[in-house]
């Protein structure tokens, strides 16, 4: 039997410094991440609920980004920030 313990191994982006114009992309990108996530959830039959319930496919996160709890927004911001840093770590340039 194989050991199924998952050990995440993301690229270390701690040394990647984002230019200010890319840091400013974090919030709009986080908002977009939430919009895409919400669209997928709704397409899968999920709906708004006061508490997350996987059996009923309900989640309190199916609200506009501005109505999310700060912790949920922060999760999306971290995802956006790490995505930008990862792109730069691969040697790409992001230009307007």
PDB file of N, CA and C in Angstrom:
ATOM      1  N   UNK A   1       0.839  -1.183   0.000  1.00  0.00           N
ATOM      2  CA  UNK A   1       0.000   0.000   0.000  1.00  0.00           C
ATOM      3  C   UNK A   1       0.883   1.245   0.000  1.00  0.00           C
ATOM      4  N   UNK A   2       0.478   2.236  -0.756  1.00  0.00           N
ATOM      5  CA  UNK A   2       1.235   3.470  -0.889  1.00  0.00           C
ATOM      6  C   UNK A   2       0.865   4.445   0.219  1.00  0.00           C
ATOM      7  N   UNK A   3       1.865   5.171   0.713  1.00  0.00           N
ATOM      8  CA  UNK A   3       1.619   6.226   1.690  1.00  0.00           C
ATOM      9  C   UNK A   3       0.927   7.375   0.975  1.00  0.00           C
ATOM     10  N   UNK A   4      -0.270   7.724   1.422  1.00  0.00           N
ATOM     11  CA  UNK A   4      -1.043   8.767   0.753  1.00  0.00           C
ATOM     12  C   UNK A   4      -0.959  10.102   1.475  1.00  0.00           C
ATOM     13  N   UNK A   5       0.069  10.280   2.286  1.00  0.00           N
ATOM     14  CA  UNK A   5       0.245  11.553   2.968  1.00  0.00           C
ATOM     15  C   UNK A   5       0.723  12.585   1.958  1.00  0.00           C
ATOM     16  N   UNK A   6      -0.074  13.600   1.793  1.00  0.00           N
ATOM     17  CA  UNK A   6       0.241  14.665   0.835  1.00  0.00           C
ATOM     18  C   UNK A   6       1.160  15.675   1.496  1.00  0.00           C
ATOM     19  N   UNK A   7       2.259  15.974   0.845  1.00  0.00           N
ATOM     20  CA  UNK A   7       3.225  16.936   1.354  1.00  0.00           C
ATOM     21  C   UNK A   7       3.388  18.044   0.314  1.00  0.00           C
ATOM     22  N   UNK A   8       2.670  19.160   0.487  1.00  0.00           N
ATOM     23  CA  UNK A   8       2.775  20.257  -0.483  1.00  0.00           C
ATOM     24  C   UNK A   8       4.214  20.734  -0.615  1.00  0.00           C
ATOM     25  N   UNK A   9       4.601  21.071  -1.820  1.00  0.00           N
ATOM     26  CA  UNK A   9       5.952  21.533  -2.094  1.00  0.00           C
ATOM     27  C   UNK A   9       5.911  22.683  -3.095  1.00  0.00           C
ATOM     28  N   UNK A  10       5.325  23.824  -2.687  1.00  0.00           N
ATOM     29  CA  UNK A  10       5.256  24.945  -3.624  1.00  0.00           C
ATOM     30  C   UNK A  10       6.642  25.546  -3.857  1.00  0.00           C
ATOM     31  N   UNK A  11       6.780  26.245  -4.961  1.00  0.00           N
ATOM     32  CA  UNK A  11       8.015  26.970  -5.248  1.00  0.00           C
ATOM     33  C   UNK A  11       8.182  28.041  -4.172  1.00  0.00           C
ATOM     34  N   UNK A  12       9.393  28.169  -3.659  1.00  0.00           N
ATOM     35  CA  UNK A  12       9.681  29.186  -2.645  1.00  0.00           C
ATOM     36  C   UNK A  12       9.764  30.548  -3.323  1.00  0.00           C
ATOM     37  N   UNK A  13       8.814  31.401  -3.023  1.00  0.00           N
ATOM     38  CA  UNK A  13       8.770  32.729  -3.642  1.00  0.00           C
ATOM     39  C   UNK A  13       9.104  33.830  -2.643  1.00  0.00           C
ATOM     40  N   UNK A  14       9.663  33.460  -1.498  1.00  0.00           N
ATOM     41  CA  UNK A  14       9.921  34.464  -0.460  1.00  0.00           C
ATOM     42  C   UNK A  14      10.921  35.524  -0.910  1.00  0.00           C
ATOM     43  N   UNK A  15      11.801  35.199  -1.838  1.00  0.00           N
ATOM     44  CA  UNK A  15      12.787  36.184  -2.307  1.00  0.00           C
ATOM     45  C   UNK A  15      12.290  37.017  -3.484  1.00  0.00           C
ATOM     46  N   UNK A  16      11.098  36.732  -3.966  1.00  0.00           N
ATOM     47  CA  UNK A  16      10.552  37.477  -5.106  1.00  0.00           C
ATOM     48  C   UNK A  16       9.932  38.772  -4.602  1.00  0.00           C
ATOM     49  N   UNK A  17      10.436  39.875  -5.100  1.00  0.00           N
ATOM     50  CA  UNK A  17       9.894  41.191  -4.754  1.00  0.00           C
ATOM     51  C   UNK A  17       9.043  41.687  -5.922  1.00  0.00           C
ATOM     52  N   UNK A  18       7.788  41.963  -5.637  1.00  0.00           N
ATOM     53  CA  UNK A  18       6.911  42.478  -6.686  1.00  0.00           C
ATOM     54  C   UNK A  18       7.053  43.993  -6.791  1.00  0.00           C
ATOM     55  N   UNK A  19       7.133  44.514  -8.014  1.00  0.00           N
ATOM     56  CA  UNK A  19       7.079  45.964  -8.176  1.00  0.00           C
ATOM     57  C   UNK A  19       5.717  46.477  -7.701  1.00  0.00           C
ATOM     58  N   UNK A  20       5.660  47.706  -7.267  1.00  0.00           N
ATOM     59  CA  UNK A  20       4.430  48.271  -6.695  1.00  0.00           C
ATOM     60  C   UNK A  20       3.231  48.139  -7.631  1.00  0.00           C
ATOM     61  N   UNK A  21       3.445  48.309  -8.948  1.00  0.00           N
ATOM     62  CA  UNK A  21       2.299  48.214  -9.860  1.00  0.00           C
ATOM     63  C   UNK A  21       1.705  46.800  -9.870  1.00  0.00           C
ATOM     64  N   UNK A  22       2.528  45.785  -9.593  1.00  0.00           N
ATOM     65  CA  UNK A  22       1.996  44.425  -9.499  1.00  0.00           C
ATOM     66  C   UNK A  22       1.349  44.180  -8.139  1.00  0.00           C
ATOM     67  N   UNK A  23       1.894  44.760  -7.097  1.00  0.00           N
ATOM     68  CA  UNK A  23       1.261  44.659  -5.775  1.00  0.00           C
ATOM     69  C   UNK A  23      -0.157  45.224  -5.858  1.00  0.00           C
ATOM     70  N   UNK A  24      -0.317  46.285  -6.624  1.00  0.00           N
ATOM     71  CA  UNK A  24      -1.636  46.906  -6.776  1.00  0.00           C
ATOM     72  C   UNK A  24      -2.617  46.009  -7.536  1.00  0.00           C
ATOM     73  N   UNK A  25      -2.118  45.012  -8.234  1.00  0.00           N
ATOM     74  CA  UNK A  25      -2.985  44.050  -8.930  1.00  0.00           C
ATOM     75  C   UNK A  25      -3.575  43.007  -7.986  1.00  0.00           C
ATOM     76  N   UNK A  26      -3.023  42.906  -6.788  1.00  0.00           N
ATOM     77  CA  UNK A  26      -3.433  41.851  -5.866  1.00  0.00           C
ATOM     78  C   UNK A  26      -4.934  41.889  -5.588  1.00  0.00           C
ATOM     79  N   UNK A  27      -5.464  43.046  -5.237  1.00  0.00           N
ATOM     80  CA  UNK A  27      -6.889  43.128  -4.887  1.00  0.00           C
ATOM     81  C   UNK A  27      -7.802  42.840  -6.075  1.00  0.00           C
ATOM     82  N   UNK A  28      -7.582  43.448  -7.255  1.00  0.00           N
ATOM     83  CA  UNK A  28      -8.447  43.096  -8.386  1.00  0.00           C
ATOM     84  C   UNK A  28      -8.325  41.624  -8.784  1.00  0.00           C
ATOM     85  N   UNK A  29      -7.125  41.071  -8.682  1.00  0.00           N
ATOM     86  CA  UNK A  29      -6.947  39.658  -9.009  1.00  0.00           C
ATOM     87  C   UNK A  29      -7.661  38.781  -7.979  1.00  0.00           C
ATOM     88  N   UNK A  30      -7.586  39.144  -6.708  1.00  0.00           N
ATOM     89  CA  UNK A  30      -8.296  38.399  -5.663  1.00  0.00           C
ATOM     90  C   UNK A  30      -9.805  38.437  -5.909  1.00  0.00           C
ATOM     91  N   UNK A  31     -10.301  39.591  -6.286  1.00  0.00           N
ATOM     92  CA  UNK A  31     -11.735  39.735  -6.604  1.00  0.00           C
ATOM     93  C   UNK A  31     -12.105  38.802  -7.757  1.00  0.00           C
ATOM     94  N   UNK A  32     -11.256  38.754  -8.779  1.00  0.00           N
ATOM     95  CA  UNK A  32     -11.524  37.891  -9.932  1.00  0.00           C
ATOM     96  C   UNK A  32     -11.475  36.418  -9.537  1.00  0.00           C
ATOM     97  N   UNK A  33     -10.504  36.044  -8.708  1.00  0.00           N
ATOM     98  CA  UNK A  33     -10.411  34.664  -8.214  1.00  0.00           C
ATOM     99  C   UNK A  33     -11.730  34.270  -7.552  1.00  0.00           C
ATOM    100  N   UNK A  34     -12.268  35.170  -6.728  1.00  0.00           N
ATOM    101  CA  UNK A  34     -13.532  34.869  -6.048  1.00  0.00           C
ATOM    102  C   UNK A  34     -14.681  34.744  -7.051  1.00  0.00           C
ATOM    103  N   UNK A  35     -14.716  35.626  -8.039  1.00  0.00           N
ATOM    104  CA  UNK A  35     -15.784  35.570  -9.044  1.00  0.00           C
ATOM    105  C   UNK A  35     -15.741  34.263  -9.824  1.00  0.00           C
ATOM    106  N   UNK A  36     -14.545  33.826 -10.211  1.00  0.00           N
ATOM    107  CA  UNK A  36     -14.405  32.565 -10.949  1.00  0.00           C
ATOM    108  C   UNK A  36     -14.816  31.395 -10.065  1.00  0.00           C
ATOM    109  N   UNK A  37     -14.325  31.386  -8.813  1.00  0.00           N
ATOM    110  CA  UNK A  37     -14.688  30.328  -7.861  1.00  0.00           C
ATOM    111  C   UNK A  37     -16.207  30.265  -7.688  1.00  0.00           C
ATOM    112  N   UNK A  38     -16.828  31.428  -7.522  1.00  0.00           N
ATOM    113  CA  UNK A  38     -18.283  31.482  -7.315  1.00  0.00           C
ATOM    114  C   UNK A  38     -19.033  30.939  -8.531  1.00  0.00           C
ATOM    115  N   UNK A  39     -18.582  31.321  -9.702  1.00  0.00           N
ATOM    116  CA  UNK A  39     -19.239  30.848 -10.931  1.00  0.00           C
ATOM    117  C   UNK A  39     -19.169  29.324 -11.018  1.00  0.00           C
ATOM    118  N   UNK A  40     -17.985  28.751 -10.721  1.00  0.00           N
ATOM    119  CA  UNK A  40     -17.838  27.291 -10.755  1.00  0.00           C
ATOM    120  C   UNK A  40     -18.732  26.625  -9.719  1.00  0.00           C
ATOM    121  N   UNK A  41     -18.759  27.179  -8.519  1.00  0.00           N
ATOM    122  CA  UNK A  41     -19.593  26.589  -7.459  1.00  0.00           C
ATOM    123  C   UNK A  41     -21.067  26.589  -7.867  1.00  0.00           C
ATOM    124  N   UNK A  42     -21.533  27.711  -8.358  1.00  0.00           N
ATOM    125  CA  UNK A  42     -22.941  27.805  -8.770  1.00  0.00           C
ATOM    126  C   UNK A  42     -23.231  26.804  -9.891  1.00  0.00           C
ATOM    127  N   UNK A  43     -22.306  26.677 -10.833  1.00  0.00           N
ATOM    128  CA  UNK A  43     -22.482  25.711 -11.931  1.00  0.00           C
ATOM    129  C   UNK A  43     -22.534  24.281 -11.403  1.00  0.00           C
ATOM    130  N   UNK A  44     -21.880  24.021 -10.271  1.00  0.00           N
ATOM    131  CA  UNK A  44     -21.893  22.693  -9.655  1.00  0.00           C
ATOM    132  C   UNK A  44     -23.110  22.476  -8.765  1.00  0.00           C
ATOM    133  N   UNK A  45     -23.989  23.481  -8.675  1.00  0.00           N
ATOM    134  CA  UNK A  45     -25.212  23.333  -7.894  1.00  0.00           C
ATOM    135  C   UNK A  45     -25.143  23.890  -6.477  1.00  0.00           C
ATOM    136  N   UNK A  46     -24.063  24.560  -6.139  1.00  0.00           N
ATOM    137  CA  UNK A  46     -23.946  25.151  -4.806  1.00  0.00           C
ATOM    138  C   UNK A  46     -24.813  26.393  -4.716  1.00  0.00           C
ATOM    139  N   UNK A  47     -25.225  26.708  -3.474  1.00  0.00           N
ATOM    140  CA  UNK A  47     -26.003  27.923  -3.221  1.00  0.00           C
ATOM    141  C   UNK A  47     -25.574  28.509  -1.891  1.00  0.00           C
ATOM    142  N   UNK A  48     -26.036  29.712  -1.645  1.00  0.00           N
ATOM    143  CA  UNK A  48     -25.692  30.391  -0.395  1.00  0.00           C
ATOM    144  C   UNK A  48     -26.348  29.678   0.787  1.00  0.00           C
ATOM    145  N   UNK A  49     -25.602  29.585   1.877  1.00  0.00           N
ATOM    146  CA  UNK A  49     -26.118  29.055   3.132  1.00  0.00           C
ATOM    147  C   UNK A  49     -25.377  29.713   4.277  1.00  0.00           C
ATOM    148  N   UNK A  50     -26.002  29.792   5.428  1.00  0.00           N
ATOM    149  CA  UNK A  50     -25.367  30.449   6.579  1.00  0.00           C
ATOM    150  C   UNK A  50     -24.110  29.731   7.045  1.00  0.00           C
ATOM    151  N   UNK A  51     -24.086  28.397   6.871  1.00  0.00           N
ATOM    152  CA  UNK A  51     -22.921  27.600   7.244  1.00  0.00           C
ATOM    153  C   UNK A  51     -22.588  26.678   6.080  1.00  0.00           C
ATOM    154  N   UNK A  52     -21.319  26.320   5.957  1.00  0.00           N
ATOM    155  CA  UNK A  52     -20.936  25.389   4.891  1.00  0.00           C
ATOM    156  C   UNK A  52     -21.519  24.019   5.187  1.00  0.00           C
ATOM    157  N   UNK A  53     -22.153  23.447   4.166  1.00  0.00           N
ATOM    158  CA  UNK A  53     -22.726  22.122   4.265  1.00  0.00           C
ATOM    159  C   UNK A  53     -22.489  21.434   2.926  1.00  0.00           C
ATOM    160  N   UNK A  54     -21.528  20.513   2.905  1.00  0.00           N
ATOM    161  CA  UNK A  54     -21.173  19.848   1.649  1.00  0.00           C
ATOM    162  C   UNK A  54     -22.299  18.988   1.100  1.00  0.00           C
ATOM    163  N   UNK A  55     -23.053  18.344   1.976  1.00  0.00           N
ATOM    164  CA  UNK A  55     -24.164  17.500   1.511  1.00  0.00           C
ATOM    165  C   UNK A  55     -25.235  18.306   0.804  1.00  0.00           C
ATOM    166  N   UNK A  56     -25.561  19.474   1.357  1.00  0.00           N
ATOM    167  CA  UNK A  56     -26.581  20.335   0.751  1.00  0.00           C
ATOM    168  C   UNK A  56     -25.995  21.302  -0.279  1.00  0.00           C
ATOM    169  N   UNK A  57     -24.677  21.283  -0.424  1.00  0.00           N
ATOM    170  CA  UNK A  57     -23.978  22.208  -1.317  1.00  0.00           C
ATOM    171  C   UNK A  57     -24.339  23.654  -0.983  1.00  0.00           C
ATOM    172  N   UNK A  58     -24.110  24.001   0.273  1.00  0.00           N
ATOM    173  CA  UNK A  58     -24.346  25.371   0.734  1.00  0.00           C
ATOM    174  C   UNK A  58     -23.054  25.944   1.312  1.00  0.00           C
ATOM    175  N   UNK A  59     -22.825  27.216   1.058  1.00  0.00           N
ATOM    176  CA  UNK A  59     -21.654  27.905   1.588  1.00  0.00           C
ATOM    177  C   UNK A  59     -21.971  29.374   1.831  1.00  0.00           C
ATOM    178  N   UNK A  60     -21.453  29.934   2.913  1.00  0.00           N
ATOM    179  CA  UNK A  60     -21.658  31.361   3.169  1.00  0.00           C
ATOM    180  C   UNK A  60     -20.771  32.239   2.288  1.00  0.00           C
ATOM    181  N   UNK A  61     -19.914  31.636   1.497  1.00  0.00           N
ATOM    182  CA  UNK A  61     -18.991  32.412   0.656  1.00  0.00           C
ATOM    183  C   UNK A  61     -19.572  32.780  -0.708  1.00  0.00           C
ATOM    184  N   UNK A  62     -20.778  32.333  -1.007  1.00  0.00           N
ATOM    185  CA  UNK A  62     -21.396  32.692  -2.287  1.00  0.00           C
ATOM    186  C   UNK A  62     -22.076  34.051  -2.154  1.00  0.00           C
ATOM    187  N   UNK A  63     -21.248  35.046  -1.982  1.00  0.00           N
ATOM    188  CA  UNK A  63     -21.674  36.447  -1.888  1.00  0.00           C
ATOM    189  C   UNK A  63     -20.685  37.267  -2.702  1.00  0.00           C
ATOM    190  N   UNK A  64     -21.050  38.503  -3.056  1.00  0.00           N
ATOM    191  CA  UNK A  64     -20.078  39.359  -3.740  1.00  0.00           C
ATOM    192  C   UNK A  64     -18.812  39.523  -2.890  1.00  0.00           C
ATOM    193  N   UNK A  65     -17.699  39.719  -3.545  1.00  0.00           N
ATOM    194  CA  UNK A  65     -16.401  39.837  -2.876  1.00  0.00           C
ATOM    195  C   UNK A  65     -16.435  40.840  -1.725  1.00  0.00           C
ATOM    196  N   UNK A  66     -17.067  41.980  -1.951  1.00  0.00           N
ATOM    197  CA  UNK A  66     -17.114  43.024  -0.918  1.00  0.00           C
ATOM    198  C   UNK A  66     -17.843  42.573   0.339  1.00  0.00           C
ATOM    199  N   UNK A  67     -18.667  41.544   0.236  1.00  0.00           N
ATOM    200  CA  UNK A  67     -19.422  41.053   1.389  1.00  0.00           C
ATOM    201  C   UNK A  67     -18.746  39.867   2.080  1.00  0.00           C
ATOM    202  N   UNK A  68     -17.641  39.399   1.544  1.00  0.00           N
ATOM    203  CA  UNK A  68     -16.922  38.290   2.177  1.00  0.00           C
ATOM    204  C   UNK A  68     -16.342  38.731   3.516  1.00  0.00           C
ATOM    205  N   UNK A  69     -16.212  37.774   4.426  1.00  0.00           N
ATOM    206  CA  UNK A  69     -15.504  38.050   5.661  1.00  0.00           C
ATOM    207  C   UNK A  69     -14.048  38.323   5.313  1.00  0.00           C
ATOM    208  N   UNK A  70     -13.382  39.122   6.132  1.00  0.00           N
ATOM    209  CA  UNK A  70     -12.006  39.532   5.852  1.00  0.00           C
ATOM    210  C   UNK A  70     -11.071  38.322   5.695  1.00  0.00           C
ATOM    211  N   UNK A  71     -11.275  37.282   6.477  1.00  0.00           N
ATOM    212  CA  UNK A  71     -10.432  36.092   6.371  1.00  0.00           C
ATOM    213  C   UNK A  71     -10.518  35.431   5.012  1.00  0.00           C
ATOM    214  N   UNK A  72     -11.705  35.412   4.428  1.00  0.00           N
ATOM    215  CA  UNK A  72     -11.887  34.844   3.084  1.00  0.00           C
ATOM    216  C   UNK A  72     -11.226  35.724   2.035  1.00  0.00           C
ATOM    217  N   UNK A  73     -11.360  37.040   2.190  1.00  0.00           N
ATOM    218  CA  UNK A  73     -10.687  37.956   1.262  1.00  0.00           C
ATOM    219  C   UNK A  73      -9.180  37.764   1.337  1.00  0.00           C
ATOM    220  N   UNK A  74      -8.669  37.604   2.539  1.00  0.00           N
ATOM    221  CA  UNK A  74      -7.224  37.443   2.725  1.00  0.00           C
ATOM    222  C   UNK A  74      -6.729  36.169   2.039  1.00  0.00           C
ATOM    223  N   UNK A  75      -7.518  35.110   2.090  1.00  0.00           N
ATOM    224  CA  UNK A  75      -7.169  33.866   1.399  1.00  0.00           C
ATOM    225  C   UNK A  75      -7.030  34.126  -0.103  1.00  0.00           C
ATOM    226  N   UNK A  76      -8.006  34.845  -0.682  1.00  0.00           N
ATOM    227  CA  UNK A  76      -7.952  35.162  -2.112  1.00  0.00           C
ATOM    228  C   UNK A  76      -6.773  36.076  -2.431  1.00  0.00           C
ATOM    229  N   UNK A  77      -6.484  37.035  -1.536  1.00  0.00           N
ATOM    230  CA  UNK A  77      -5.336  37.932  -1.753  1.00  0.00           C
ATOM    231  C   UNK A  77      -4.026  37.153  -1.759  1.00  0.00           C
ATOM    232  N   UNK A  78      -3.883  36.227  -0.825  1.00  0.00           N
ATOM    233  CA  UNK A  78      -2.651  35.423  -0.768  1.00  0.00           C
ATOM    234  C   UNK A  78      -2.503  34.580  -2.026  1.00  0.00           C
ATOM    235  N   UNK A  79      -3.605  34.026  -2.502  1.00  0.00           N
ATOM    236  CA  UNK A  79      -3.574  33.247  -3.742  1.00  0.00           C
ATOM    237  C   UNK A  79      -3.128  34.133  -4.902  1.00  0.00           C
ATOM    238  N   UNK A  80      -3.691  35.324  -4.996  1.00  0.00           N
ATOM    239  CA  UNK A  80      -3.338  36.254  -6.069  1.00  0.00           C
ATOM    240  C   UNK A  80      -1.872  36.657  -5.975  1.00  0.00           C
ATOM    241  N   UNK A  81      -1.425  37.024  -4.790  1.00  0.00           N
ATOM    242  CA  UNK A  81      -0.051  37.468  -4.586  1.00  0.00           C
ATOM    243  C   UNK A  81       0.945  36.363  -4.929  1.00  0.00           C
ATOM    244  N   UNK A  82       0.678  35.157  -4.462  1.00  0.00           N
ATOM    245  CA  UNK A  82       1.580  34.033  -4.751  1.00  0.00           C
ATOM    246  C   UNK A  82       1.575  33.674  -6.228  1.00  0.00           C
ATOM    247  N   UNK A  83       0.450  33.839  -6.892  1.00  0.00           N
ATOM    248  CA  UNK A  83       0.391  33.582  -8.333  1.00  0.00           C
ATOM    249  C   UNK A  83       1.280  34.563  -9.085  1.00  0.00           C
ATOM    250  N   UNK A  84       1.186  35.831  -8.730  1.00  0.00           N
ATOM    251  CA  UNK A  84       2.026  36.844  -9.372  1.00  0.00           C
ATOM    252  C   UNK A  84       3.508  36.563  -9.115  1.00  0.00           C
ATOM    253  N   UNK A  85       3.848  36.230  -7.882  1.00  0.00           N
ATOM    254  CA  UNK A  85       5.242  35.942  -7.542  1.00  0.00           C
ATOM    255  C   UNK A  85       5.743  34.692  -8.277  1.00  0.00           C
ATOM    256  N   UNK A  86       4.895  33.694  -8.404  1.00  0.00           N
ATOM    257  CA  UNK A  86       5.282  32.470  -9.108  1.00  0.00           C
ATOM    258  C   UNK A  86       5.567  32.757 -10.582  1.00  0.00           C
ATOM    259  N   UNK A  87       4.726  33.559 -11.211  1.00  0.00           N
ATOM    260  CA  UNK A  87       4.936  33.918 -12.618  1.00  0.00           C
ATOM    261  C   UNK A  87       6.306  34.580 -12.787  1.00  0.00           C
ATOM    262  N   UNK A  88       6.635  35.500 -11.884  1.00  0.00           N
ATOM    263  CA  UNK A  88       7.939  36.161 -11.956  1.00  0.00           C
ATOM    264  C   UNK A  88       9.079  35.179 -11.676  1.00  0.00           C
ATOM    265  N   UNK A  89       8.865  34.235 -10.759  1.00  0.00           N
ATOM    266  CA  UNK A  89       9.909  33.264 -10.433  1.00  0.00           C
ATOM    267  C   UNK A  89      10.252  32.378 -11.642  1.00  0.00           C
ATOM    268  N   UNK A  90       9.308  32.222 -12.544  1.00  0.00           N
ATOM    269  CA  UNK A  90       9.531  31.431 -13.751  1.00  0.00           C
ATOM    270  C   UNK A  90      10.294  32.200 -14.831  1.00  0.00           C
ATOM    271  N   UNK A  91      10.545  33.487 -14.547  1.00  0.00           N
ATOM    272  CA  UNK A  91      11.308  34.302 -15.493  1.00  0.00           C
ATOM    273  C   UNK A  91      10.454  35.163 -16.411  1.00  0.00           C
ATOM    274  N   UNK A  92       9.156  35.148 -16.209  1.00  0.00           N
ATOM    275  CA  UNK A  92       8.282  35.978 -17.039  1.00  0.00           C
ATOM    276  C   UNK A  92       8.272  37.412 -16.534  1.00  0.00           C
ATOM    277  N   UNK A  93       7.969  38.328 -17.439  1.00  0.00           N
ATOM    278  CA  UNK A  93       7.757  39.722 -17.083  1.00  0.00           C
ATOM    279  C   UNK A  93       6.287  40.028 -17.303  1.00  0.00           C
ATOM    280  N   UNK A  94       5.720  40.775 -16.405  1.00  0.00           N
ATOM    281  CA  UNK A  94       4.337  41.203 -16.556  1.00  0.00           C
ATOM    282  C   UNK A  94       4.371  42.684 -16.854  1.00  0.00           C
ATOM    283  N   UNK A  95       3.920  43.035 -18.042  1.00  0.00           N
ATOM    284  CA  UNK A  95       3.940  44.443 -18.452  1.00  0.00           C
ATOM    285  C   UNK A  95       2.544  44.863 -18.848  1.00  0.00           C
ATOM    286  N   UNK A  96       2.273  46.129 -18.640  1.00  0.00           N
ATOM    287  CA  UNK A  96       0.972  46.694 -19.002  1.00  0.00           C
ATOM    288  C   UNK A  96       0.907  46.872 -20.497  1.00  0.00           C
TER     289      UNK A  96
END
